[in-house]
Amino acid sequence: MAVKLVVMYPRPRDIEAFEEIYDQEHVPMAIAKLTGKTKMVGTRILGSPQGTPAFHRIAEVHFPSRRLSKRALLRKGASRPSRTRFRSLPEEPRPSW
């Protein structure tokens, strides 16, 4: 059975800095480290009918099986790449729904 990993990134205060880290470090590292993937989809959230969106990006990583997804995520450096750099970016306050 195919598996899809979904990662939702909260809206950062400094979108330009986030995008630089995301494009130059995070995506290349995910491509290299997440072995066994069959497809990656990145979506940037530009707006919402309810106002400012709570999330800035959504990433989807597809795997042909749960076994391969677990193997990829357990690989050293595969889960939470660039986390330290992203942590230095303050997030927007989250809406209370």
PDB file of N, CA and C in Angstrom:
ATOM      1  N   MET A   1       0.832  -1.169   0.000  1.00  0.00           N
ATOM      2  CA  MET A   1       0.000   0.000   0.000  1.00  0.00           C
ATOM      3  C   MET A   1       0.889   1.250   0.000  1.00  0.00           C
ATOM      4  N   ALA A   2       0.563   2.181  -0.859  1.00  0.00           N
ATOM      5  CA  ALA A   2       1.323   3.432  -0.956  1.00  0.00           C
ATOM      6  C   ALA A   2       1.072   4.300   0.277  1.00  0.00           C
ATOM      7  N   VAL A   3       2.064   5.130   0.596  1.00  0.00           N
ATOM      8  CA  VAL A   3       2.011   6.003   1.775  1.00  0.00           C
ATOM      9  C   VAL A   3       2.385   7.418   1.357  1.00  0.00           C
ATOM     10  N   LYS A   4       1.694   8.391   1.957  1.00  0.00           N
ATOM     11  CA  LYS A   4       2.028   9.795   1.707  1.00  0.00           C
ATOM     12  C   LYS A   4       2.330  10.461   3.041  1.00  0.00           C
ATOM     13  N   LEU A   5       3.524  11.030   3.152  1.00  0.00           N
ATOM     14  CA  LEU A   5       3.928  11.807   4.319  1.00  0.00           C
ATOM     15  C   LEU A   5       3.569  13.260   4.035  1.00  0.00           C
ATOM     16  N   VAL A   6       2.865  13.901   4.961  1.00  0.00           N
ATOM     17  CA  VAL A   6       2.464  15.297   4.794  1.00  0.00           C
ATOM     18  C   VAL A   6       3.116  16.126   5.894  1.00  0.00           C
ATOM     19  N   VAL A   7       3.820  17.175   5.487  1.00  0.00           N
ATOM     20  CA  VAL A   7       4.479  18.080   6.431  1.00  0.00           C
ATOM     21  C   VAL A   7       3.873  19.467   6.232  1.00  0.00           C
ATOM     22  N   MET A   8       3.383  20.063   7.330  1.00  0.00           N
ATOM     23  CA  MET A   8       2.773  21.394   7.258  1.00  0.00           C
ATOM     24  C   MET A   8       3.657  22.378   8.017  1.00  0.00           C
ATOM     25  N   TYR A   9       4.093  23.403   7.328  1.00  0.00           N
ATOM     26  CA  TYR A   9       4.997  24.400   7.903  1.00  0.00           C
ATOM     27  C   TYR A   9       4.195  25.621   8.356  1.00  0.00           C
ATOM     28  N   PRO A  10       4.286  25.994   9.639  1.00  0.00           N
ATOM     29  CA  PRO A  10       3.577  27.190  10.121  1.00  0.00           C
ATOM     30  C   PRO A  10       4.061  28.439   9.381  1.00  0.00           C
ATOM     31  N   ARG A  11       3.216  29.418   9.327  1.00  0.00           N
ATOM     32  CA  ARG A  11       3.550  30.677   8.653  1.00  0.00           C
ATOM     33  C   ARG A  11       4.652  31.401   9.422  1.00  0.00           C
ATOM     34  N   PRO A  12       5.807  31.647   8.779  1.00  0.00           N
ATOM     35  CA  PRO A  12       6.895  32.363   9.452  1.00  0.00           C
ATOM     36  C   PRO A  12       6.662  33.874   9.391  1.00  0.00           C
ATOM     37  N   ARG A  13       7.275  34.593  10.286  1.00  0.00           N
ATOM     38  CA  ARG A  13       7.197  36.055  10.226  1.00  0.00           C
ATOM     39  C   ARG A  13       8.035  36.588   9.071  1.00  0.00           C
ATOM     40  N   ASP A  14       9.198  35.964   8.852  1.00  0.00           N
ATOM     41  CA  ASP A  14      10.094  36.391   7.773  1.00  0.00           C
ATOM     42  C   ASP A  14       9.998  35.371   6.634  1.00  0.00           C
ATOM     43  N   ILE A  15       9.037  35.578   5.759  1.00  0.00           N
ATOM     44  CA  ILE A  15       8.775  34.634   4.673  1.00  0.00           C
ATOM     45  C   ILE A  15       9.961  34.535   3.724  1.00  0.00           C
ATOM     46  N   GLU A  16      10.604  35.649   3.441  1.00  0.00           N
ATOM     47  CA  GLU A  16      11.754  35.655   2.534  1.00  0.00           C
ATOM     48  C   GLU A  16      12.895  34.780   3.077  1.00  0.00           C
ATOM     49  N   ALA A  17      13.201  34.909   4.357  1.00  0.00           N
ATOM     50  CA  ALA A  17      14.255  34.089   4.972  1.00  0.00           C
ATOM     51  C   ALA A  17      13.861  32.617   4.979  1.00  0.00           C
ATOM     52  N   PHE A  18      12.595  32.337   5.292  1.00  0.00           N
ATOM     53  CA  PHE A  18      12.115  30.955   5.277  1.00  0.00           C
ATOM     54  C   PHE A  18      12.287  30.347   3.886  1.00  0.00           C
ATOM     55  N   GLU A  19      11.844  31.078   2.870  1.00  0.00           N
ATOM     56  CA  GLU A  19      11.915  30.572   1.500  1.00  0.00           C
ATOM     57  C   GLU A  19      13.355  30.299   1.073  1.00  0.00           C
ATOM     58  N   GLU A  20      14.274  31.149   1.498  1.00  0.00           N
ATOM     59  CA  GLU A  20      15.681  30.942   1.155  1.00  0.00           C
ATOM     60  C   GLU A  20      16.199  29.639   1.766  1.00  0.00           C
ATOM     61  N   ILE A  21      15.929  29.421   3.046  1.00  0.00           N
ATOM     62  CA  ILE A  21      16.355  28.185   3.700  1.00  0.00           C
ATOM     63  C   ILE A  21      15.646  26.982   3.077  1.00  0.00           C
ATOM     64  N   TYR A  22      14.359  27.115   2.848  1.00  0.00           N
ATOM     65  CA  TYR A  22      13.560  26.017   2.290  1.00  0.00           C
ATOM     66  C   TYR A  22      14.089  25.602   0.912  1.00  0.00           C
ATOM     67  N   ASP A  23      14.282  26.583   0.031  1.00  0.00           N
ATOM     68  CA  ASP A  23      14.717  26.288  -1.341  1.00  0.00           C
ATOM     69  C   ASP A  23      16.171  25.844  -1.440  1.00  0.00           C
ATOM     70  N   GLN A  24      17.057  26.493  -0.692  1.00  0.00           N
ATOM     71  CA  GLN A  24      18.486  26.231  -0.850  1.00  0.00           C
ATOM     72  C   GLN A  24      19.010  25.097   0.017  1.00  0.00           C
ATOM     73  N   GLU A  25      18.346  24.806   1.154  1.00  0.00           N
ATOM     74  CA  GLU A  25      18.851  23.779   2.064  1.00  0.00           C
ATOM     75  C   GLU A  25      17.875  22.631   2.292  1.00  0.00           C
ATOM     76  N   HIS A  26      16.654  22.974   2.659  1.00  0.00           N
ATOM     77  CA  HIS A  26      15.693  21.963   3.094  1.00  0.00           C
ATOM     78  C   HIS A  26      15.280  21.015   1.968  1.00  0.00           C
ATOM     79  N   VAL A  27      14.847  21.559   0.846  1.00  0.00           N
ATOM     80  CA  VAL A  27      14.399  20.705  -0.264  1.00  0.00           C
ATOM     81  C   VAL A  27      15.539  19.843  -0.809  1.00  0.00           C
ATOM     82  N   PRO A  28      16.720  20.393  -1.095  1.00  0.00           N
ATOM     83  CA  PRO A  28      17.806  19.528  -1.572  1.00  0.00           C
ATOM     84  C   PRO A  28      18.165  18.425  -0.568  1.00  0.00           C
ATOM     85  N   MET A  29      18.134  18.742   0.731  1.00  0.00           N
ATOM     86  CA  MET A  29      18.447  17.727   1.736  1.00  0.00           C
ATOM     87  C   MET A  29      17.367  16.642   1.761  1.00  0.00           C
ATOM     88  N   ALA A  30      16.112  17.043   1.669  1.00  0.00           N
ATOM     89  CA  ALA A  30      15.018  16.064   1.656  1.00  0.00           C
ATOM     90  C   ALA A  30      15.114  15.167   0.422  1.00  0.00           C
ATOM     91  N   ILE A  31      15.450  15.736  -0.709  1.00  0.00           N
ATOM     92  CA  ILE A  31      15.600  14.941  -1.936  1.00  0.00           C
ATOM     93  C   ILE A  31      16.705  13.911  -1.754  1.00  0.00           C
ATOM     94  N   ALA A  32      17.815  14.331  -1.160  1.00  0.00           N
ATOM     95  CA  ALA A  32      18.953  13.428  -0.979  1.00  0.00           C
ATOM     96  C   ALA A  32      18.708  12.375   0.104  1.00  0.00           C
ATOM     97  N   LYS A  33      18.071  12.752   1.201  1.00  0.00           N
ATOM     98  CA  LYS A  33      17.966  11.869   2.364  1.00  0.00           C
ATOM     99  C   LYS A  33      16.753  10.947   2.349  1.00  0.00           C
ATOM    100  N   LEU A  34      15.659  11.367   1.739  1.00  0.00           N
ATOM    101  CA  LEU A  34      14.443  10.549   1.763  1.00  0.00           C
ATOM    102  C   LEU A  34      14.473   9.532   0.624  1.00  0.00           C
ATOM    103  N   THR A  35      15.280   8.506   0.801  1.00  0.00           N
ATOM    104  CA  THR A  35      15.435   7.488  -0.235  1.00  0.00           C
ATOM    105  C   THR A  35      14.163   6.653  -0.340  1.00  0.00           C
ATOM    106  N   GLY A  36      13.889   6.194  -1.537  1.00  0.00           N
ATOM    107  CA  GLY A  36      12.723   5.347  -1.769  1.00  0.00           C
ATOM    108  C   GLY A  36      11.470   6.109  -2.151  1.00  0.00           C
ATOM    109  N   LYS A  37      11.516   7.431  -2.095  1.00  0.00           N
ATOM    110  CA  LYS A  37      10.336   8.217  -2.451  1.00  0.00           C
ATOM    111  C   LYS A  37      10.044   8.076  -3.944  1.00  0.00           C
ATOM    112  N   THR A  38       8.782   8.204  -4.283  1.00  0.00           N
ATOM    113  CA  THR A  38       8.402   8.156  -5.696  1.00  0.00           C
ATOM    114  C   THR A  38       8.011   9.526  -6.231  1.00  0.00           C
ATOM    115  N   LYS A  39       7.649  10.438  -5.315  1.00  0.00           N
ATOM    116  CA  LYS A  39       7.230  11.772  -5.757  1.00  0.00           C
ATOM    117  C   LYS A  39       7.268  12.719  -4.566  1.00  0.00           C
ATOM    118  N   MET A  40       7.587  13.990  -4.848  1.00  0.00           N
ATOM    119  CA  MET A  40       7.517  15.047  -3.838  1.00  0.00           C
ATOM    120  C   MET A  40       6.701  16.200  -4.431  1.00  0.00           C
ATOM    121  N   VAL A  41       5.791  16.739  -3.619  1.00  0.00           N
ATOM    122  CA  VAL A  41       4.965  17.862  -4.048  1.00  0.00           C
ATOM    123  C   VAL A  41       5.069  18.951  -2.991  1.00  0.00           C
ATOM    124  N   GLY A  42       5.399  20.159  -3.425  1.00  0.00           N
ATOM    125  CA  GLY A  42       5.475  21.293  -2.506  1.00  0.00           C
ATOM    126  C   GLY A  42       4.424  22.324  -2.873  1.00  0.00           C
ATOM    127  N   THR A  43       3.666  22.777  -1.888  1.00  0.00           N
ATOM    128  CA  THR A  43       2.608  23.760  -2.114  1.00  0.00           C
ATOM    129  C   THR A  43       2.840  24.960  -1.208  1.00  0.00           C
ATOM    130  N   ARG A  44       2.758  26.128  -1.774  1.00  0.00           N
ATOM    131  CA  ARG A  44       2.870  27.364  -0.993  1.00  0.00           C
ATOM    132  C   ARG A  44       1.468  27.932  -0.819  1.00  0.00           C
ATOM    133  N   ILE A  45       1.088  28.196   0.425  1.00  0.00           N
ATOM    134  CA  ILE A  45      -0.245  28.716   0.728  1.00  0.00           C
ATOM    135  C   ILE A  45      -0.194  30.236   0.626  1.00  0.00           C
ATOM    136  N   LEU A  46      -0.920  30.782  -0.321  1.00  0.00           N
ATOM    137  CA  LEU A  46      -0.872  32.222  -0.562  1.00  0.00           C
ATOM    138  C   LEU A  46      -1.957  32.992   0.170  1.00  0.00           C
ATOM    139  N   GLY A  47      -3.077  32.341   0.449  1.00  0.00           N
ATOM    140  CA  GLY A  47      -4.166  33.042   1.112  1.00  0.00           C
ATOM    141  C   GLY A  47      -5.265  32.083   1.498  1.00  0.00           C
ATOM    142  N   SER A  48      -6.245  32.618   2.182  1.00  0.00           N
ATOM    143  CA  SER A  48      -7.368  31.821   2.647  1.00  0.00           C
ATOM    144  C   SER A  48      -8.606  32.712   2.709  1.00  0.00           C
ATOM    145  N   PRO A  49      -9.777  32.187   2.403  1.00  0.00           N
ATOM    146  CA  PRO A  49     -10.998  32.991   2.545  1.00  0.00           C
ATOM    147  C   PRO A  49     -11.234  33.432   3.992  1.00  0.00           C
ATOM    148  N   GLN A  50     -10.650  32.714   4.954  1.00  0.00           N
ATOM    149  CA  GLN A  50     -10.815  33.055   6.366  1.00  0.00           C
ATOM    150  C   GLN A  50      -9.784  34.072   6.851  1.00  0.00           C
ATOM    151  N   GLY A  51      -8.907  34.549   5.980  1.00  0.00           N
ATOM    152  CA  GLY A  51      -7.893  35.520   6.375  1.00  0.00           C
ATOM    153  C   GLY A  51      -6.499  34.948   6.223  1.00  0.00           C
ATOM    154  N   THR A  52      -5.578  35.365   7.073  1.00  0.00           N
ATOM    155  CA  THR A  52      -4.197  34.896   7.003  1.00  0.00           C
ATOM    156  C   THR A  52      -4.143  33.404   7.297  1.00  0.00           C
ATOM    157  N   PRO A  53      -3.542  32.625   6.396  1.00  0.00           N
ATOM    158  CA  PRO A  53      -3.476  31.179   6.628  1.00  0.00           C
ATOM    159  C   PRO A  53      -2.528  30.835   7.781  1.00  0.00           C
ATOM    160  N   ALA A  54      -2.852  29.767   8.496  1.00  0.00           N
ATOM    161  CA  ALA A  54      -2.015  29.329   9.622  1.00  0.00           C
ATOM    162  C   ALA A  54      -0.737  28.663   9.130  1.00  0.00           C
ATOM    163  N   PHE A  55      -0.781  28.138   7.921  1.00  0.00           N
ATOM    164  CA  PHE A  55       0.379  27.424   7.380  1.00  0.00           C
ATOM    165  C   PHE A  55       0.889  28.133   6.136  1.00  0.00           C
ATOM    166  N   HIS A  56       2.202  28.064   5.955  1.00  0.00           N
ATOM    167  CA  HIS A  56       2.841  28.730   4.813  1.00  0.00           C
ATOM    168  C   HIS A  56       3.088  27.754   3.667  1.00  0.00           C
ATOM    169  N   ARG A  57       3.489  26.537   4.008  1.00  0.00           N
ATOM    170  CA  ARG A  57       3.784  25.523   2.999  1.00  0.00           C
ATOM    171  C   ARG A  57       3.271  24.171   3.456  1.00  0.00           C
ATOM    172  N   ILE A  58       2.973  23.342   2.482  1.00  0.00           N
ATOM    173  CA  ILE A  58       2.633  21.943   2.731  1.00  0.00           C
ATOM    174  C   ILE A  58       3.489  21.120   1.777  1.00  0.00           C
ATOM    175  N   ALA A  59       4.192  20.155   2.339  1.00  0.00           N
ATOM    176  CA  ALA A  59       5.020  19.258   1.523  1.00  0.00           C
ATOM    177  C   ALA A  59       4.426  17.855   1.604  1.00  0.00           C
ATOM    178  N   GLU A  60       4.364  17.176   0.461  1.00  0.00           N
ATOM    179  CA  GLU A  60       3.887  15.801   0.402  1.00  0.00           C
ATOM    180  C   GLU A  60       5.007  14.948  -0.184  1.00  0.00           C
ATOM    181  N   VAL A  61       5.323  13.862   0.501  1.00  0.00           N
ATOM    182  CA  VAL A  61       6.345  12.934   0.025  1.00  0.00           C
ATOM    183  C   VAL A  61       5.675  11.576  -0.109  1.00  0.00           C
ATOM    184  N   HIS A  62       5.710  11.026  -1.305  1.00  0.00           N
ATOM    185  CA  HIS A  62       5.036   9.761  -1.601  1.00  0.00           C
ATOM    186  C   HIS A  62       6.037   8.605  -1.586  1.00  0.00           C
ATOM    187  N   PHE A  63       5.613   7.492  -1.002  1.00  0.00           N
ATOM    188  CA  PHE A  63       6.413   6.269  -0.946  1.00  0.00           C
ATOM    189  C   PHE A  63       5.553   5.105  -1.433  1.00  0.00           C
ATOM    190  N   PRO A  64       6.163   4.098  -2.048  1.00  0.00           N
ATOM    191  CA  PRO A  64       5.383   2.955  -2.528  1.00  0.00           C
ATOM    192  C   PRO A  64       4.886   2.038  -1.408  1.00  0.00           C
ATOM    193  N   SER A  65       5.493   2.124  -0.216  1.00  0.00           N
ATOM    194  CA  SER A  65       5.065   1.256   0.889  1.00  0.00           C
ATOM    195  C   SER A  65       5.390   1.903   2.231  1.00  0.00           C
ATOM    196  N   ARG A  66       4.718   1.421   3.268  1.00  0.00           N
ATOM    197  CA  ARG A  66       4.988   1.907   4.620  1.00  0.00           C
ATOM    198  C   ARG A  66       6.411   1.541   5.048  1.00  0.00           C
ATOM    199  N   ARG A  67       6.839   0.353   4.659  1.00  0.00           N
ATOM    200  CA  ARG A  67       8.190  -0.108   4.999  1.00  0.00           C
ATOM    201  C   ARG A  67       9.247   0.857   4.465  1.00  0.00           C
ATOM    202  N   LEU A  68       9.120   1.265   3.203  1.00  0.00           N
ATOM    203  CA  LEU A  68      10.096   2.194   2.624  1.00  0.00           C
ATOM    204  C   LEU A  68      10.003   3.585   3.247  1.00  0.00           C
ATOM    205  N   SER A  69       8.805   4.015   3.619  1.00  0.00           N
ATOM    206  CA  SER A  69       8.680   5.332   4.255  1.00  0.00           C
ATOM    207  C   SER A  69       9.351   5.310   5.627  1.00  0.00           C
ATOM    208  N   LYS A  70       9.144   4.233   6.390  1.00  0.00           N
ATOM    209  CA  LYS A  70       9.779   4.128   7.704  1.00  0.00           C
ATOM    210  C   LYS A  70      11.299   4.077   7.574  1.00  0.00           C
ATOM    211  N   ARG A  71      11.775   3.313   6.594  1.00  0.00           N
ATOM    212  CA  ARG A  71      13.224   3.207   6.377  1.00  0.00           C
ATOM    213  C   ARG A  71      13.819   4.573   6.048  1.00  0.00           C
ATOM    214  N   ALA A  72      13.137   5.328   5.187  1.00  0.00           N
ATOM    215  CA  ALA A  72      13.640   6.653   4.786  1.00  0.00           C
ATOM    216  C   ALA A  72      13.656   7.614   5.972  1.00  0.00           C
ATOM    217  N   LEU A  73      12.608   7.592   6.783  1.00  0.00           N
ATOM    218  CA  LEU A  73      12.511   8.531   7.902  1.00  0.00           C
ATOM    219  C   LEU A  73      13.442   8.182   9.050  1.00  0.00           C
ATOM    220  N   LEU A  74      13.825   6.911   9.145  1.00  0.00           N
ATOM    221  CA  LEU A  74      14.752   6.502  10.205  1.00  0.00           C
ATOM    222  C   LEU A  74      16.213   6.732   9.821  1.00  0.00           C
ATOM    223  N   ARG A  75      16.450   7.023   8.559  1.00  0.00           N
ATOM    224  CA  ARG A  75      17.810   7.283   8.093  1.00  0.00           C
ATOM    225  C   ARG A  75      18.344   8.547   8.768  1.00  0.00           C
ATOM    226  N   LYS A  76      19.585   8.507   9.184  1.00  0.00           N
ATOM    227  CA  LYS A  76      20.192   9.644   9.888  1.00  0.00           C
ATOM    228  C   LYS A  76      20.079  10.926   9.055  1.00  0.00           C
ATOM    229  N   GLY A  77      19.563  11.965   9.677  1.00  0.00           N
ATOM    230  CA  GLY A  77      19.432  13.264   9.023  1.00  0.00           C
ATOM    231  C   GLY A  77      18.199  13.418   8.160  1.00  0.00           C
ATOM    232  N   ALA A  78      17.384  12.364   8.048  1.00  0.00           N
ATOM    233  CA  ALA A  78      16.224  12.441   7.163  1.00  0.00           C
ATOM    234  C   ALA A  78      15.030  13.131   7.812  1.00  0.00           C
ATOM    235  N   SER A  79      14.784  12.878   9.075  1.00  0.00           N
ATOM    236  CA  SER A  79      13.639  13.538   9.695  1.00  0.00           C
ATOM    237  C   SER A  79      14.100  14.854  10.300  1.00  0.00           C
ATOM    238  N   ARG A  80      13.374  15.887   9.965  1.00  0.00           N
ATOM    239  CA  ARG A  80      13.652  17.248  10.429  1.00  0.00           C
ATOM    240  C   ARG A  80      14.947  17.842   9.899  1.00  0.00           C
ATOM    241  N   PRO A  81      15.236  17.705   8.601  1.00  0.00           N
ATOM    242  CA  PRO A  81      16.421  18.380   8.084  1.00  0.00           C
ATOM    243  C   PRO A  81      16.260  19.894   8.189  1.00  0.00           C
ATOM    244  N   SER A  82      17.334  20.581   8.436  1.00  0.00           N
ATOM    245  CA  SER A  82      17.363  22.050   8.555  1.00  0.00           C
ATOM    246  C   SER A  82      16.542  22.569   9.731  1.00  0.00           C
ATOM    247  N   ARG A  83      16.168  21.699  10.654  1.00  0.00           N
ATOM    248  CA  ARG A  83      15.312  22.126  11.758  1.00  0.00           C
ATOM    249  C   ARG A  83      15.926  23.285  12.544  1.00  0.00           C
ATOM    250  N   THR A  84      17.211  23.227  12.785  1.00  0.00           N
ATOM    251  CA  THR A  84      17.867  24.269  13.567  1.00  0.00           C
ATOM    252  C   THR A  84      17.733  25.626  12.884  1.00  0.00           C
ATOM    253  N   ARG A  85      17.933  25.669  11.585  1.00  0.00           N
ATOM    254  CA  ARG A  85      17.816  26.942  10.860  1.00  0.00           C
ATOM    255  C   ARG A  85      16.378  27.441  10.874  1.00  0.00           C
ATOM    256  N   PHE A  86      15.400  26.545  10.707  1.00  0.00           N
ATOM    257  CA  PHE A  86      14.004  26.962  10.736  1.00  0.00           C
ATOM    258  C   PHE A  86      13.605  27.451  12.127  1.00  0.00           C
ATOM    259  N   ARG A  87      14.160  26.846  13.172  1.00  0.00           N
ATOM    260  CA  ARG A  87      13.827  27.228  14.541  1.00  0.00           C
ATOM    261  C   ARG A  87      14.208  28.682  14.814  1.00  0.00           C
ATOM    262  N   SER A  88      15.217  29.191  14.116  1.00  0.00           N
ATOM    263  CA  SER A  88      15.651  30.568  14.355  1.00  0.00           C
ATOM    264  C   SER A  88      14.681  31.581  13.748  1.00  0.00           C
ATOM    265  N   LEU A  89      13.747  31.128  12.930  1.00  0.00           N
ATOM    266  CA  LEU A  89      12.772  32.030  12.317  1.00  0.00           C
ATOM    267  C   LEU A  89      11.514  32.086  13.162  1.00  0.00           C
ATOM    268  N   PRO A  90      11.123  33.254  13.641  1.00  0.00           N
ATOM    269  CA  PRO A  90       9.896  33.342  14.444  1.00  0.00           C
ATOM    270  C   PRO A  90       8.668  33.072  13.591  1.00  0.00           C
ATOM    271  N   GLU A  91       7.671  32.433  14.196  1.00  0.00           N
ATOM    272  CA  GLU A  91       6.421  32.135  13.515  1.00  0.00           C
ATOM    273  C   GLU A  91       5.413  33.249  13.769  1.00  0.00           C
ATOM    274  N   GLU A  92       4.453  33.351  12.857  1.00  0.00           N
ATOM    275  CA  GLU A  92       3.323  34.230  13.065  1.00  0.00           C
ATOM    276  C   GLU A  92       2.483  33.646  14.193  1.00  0.00           C
ATOM    277  N   PRO A  93       1.789  34.473  14.953  1.00  0.00           N
ATOM    278  CA  PRO A  93       0.858  33.926  15.950  1.00  0.00           C
ATOM    279  C   PRO A  93      -0.194  33.093  15.241  1.00  0.00           C
ATOM    280  N   ARG A  94      -0.554  31.967  15.820  1.00  0.00           N
ATOM    281  CA  ARG A  94      -1.560  31.080  15.211  1.00  0.00           C
ATOM    282  C   ARG A  94      -2.961  31.566  15.528  1.00  0.00           C
ATOM    283  N   PRO A  95      -3.848  31.471  14.539  1.00  0.00           N
ATOM    284  CA  PRO A  95      -5.235  31.891  14.816  1.00  0.00           C
ATOM    285  C   PRO A  95      -5.906  30.919  15.791  1.00  0.00           C
ATOM    286  N   SER A  96      -6.807  31.430  16.586  1.00  0.00           N
ATOM    287  CA  SER A  96      -7.550  30.549  17.488  1.00  0.00           C
ATOM    288  C   SER A  96      -8.938  30.340  16.882  1.00  0.00           C
ATOM    289  N   TRP A  97      -9.151  29.172  16.362  1.00  0.00           N
ATOM    290  CA  TRP A  97     -10.433  28.865  15.698  1.00  0.00           C
ATOM    291  C   TRP A  97     -11.407  28.319  16.652  1.00  0.00           C
TER     292      TRP A  97
END
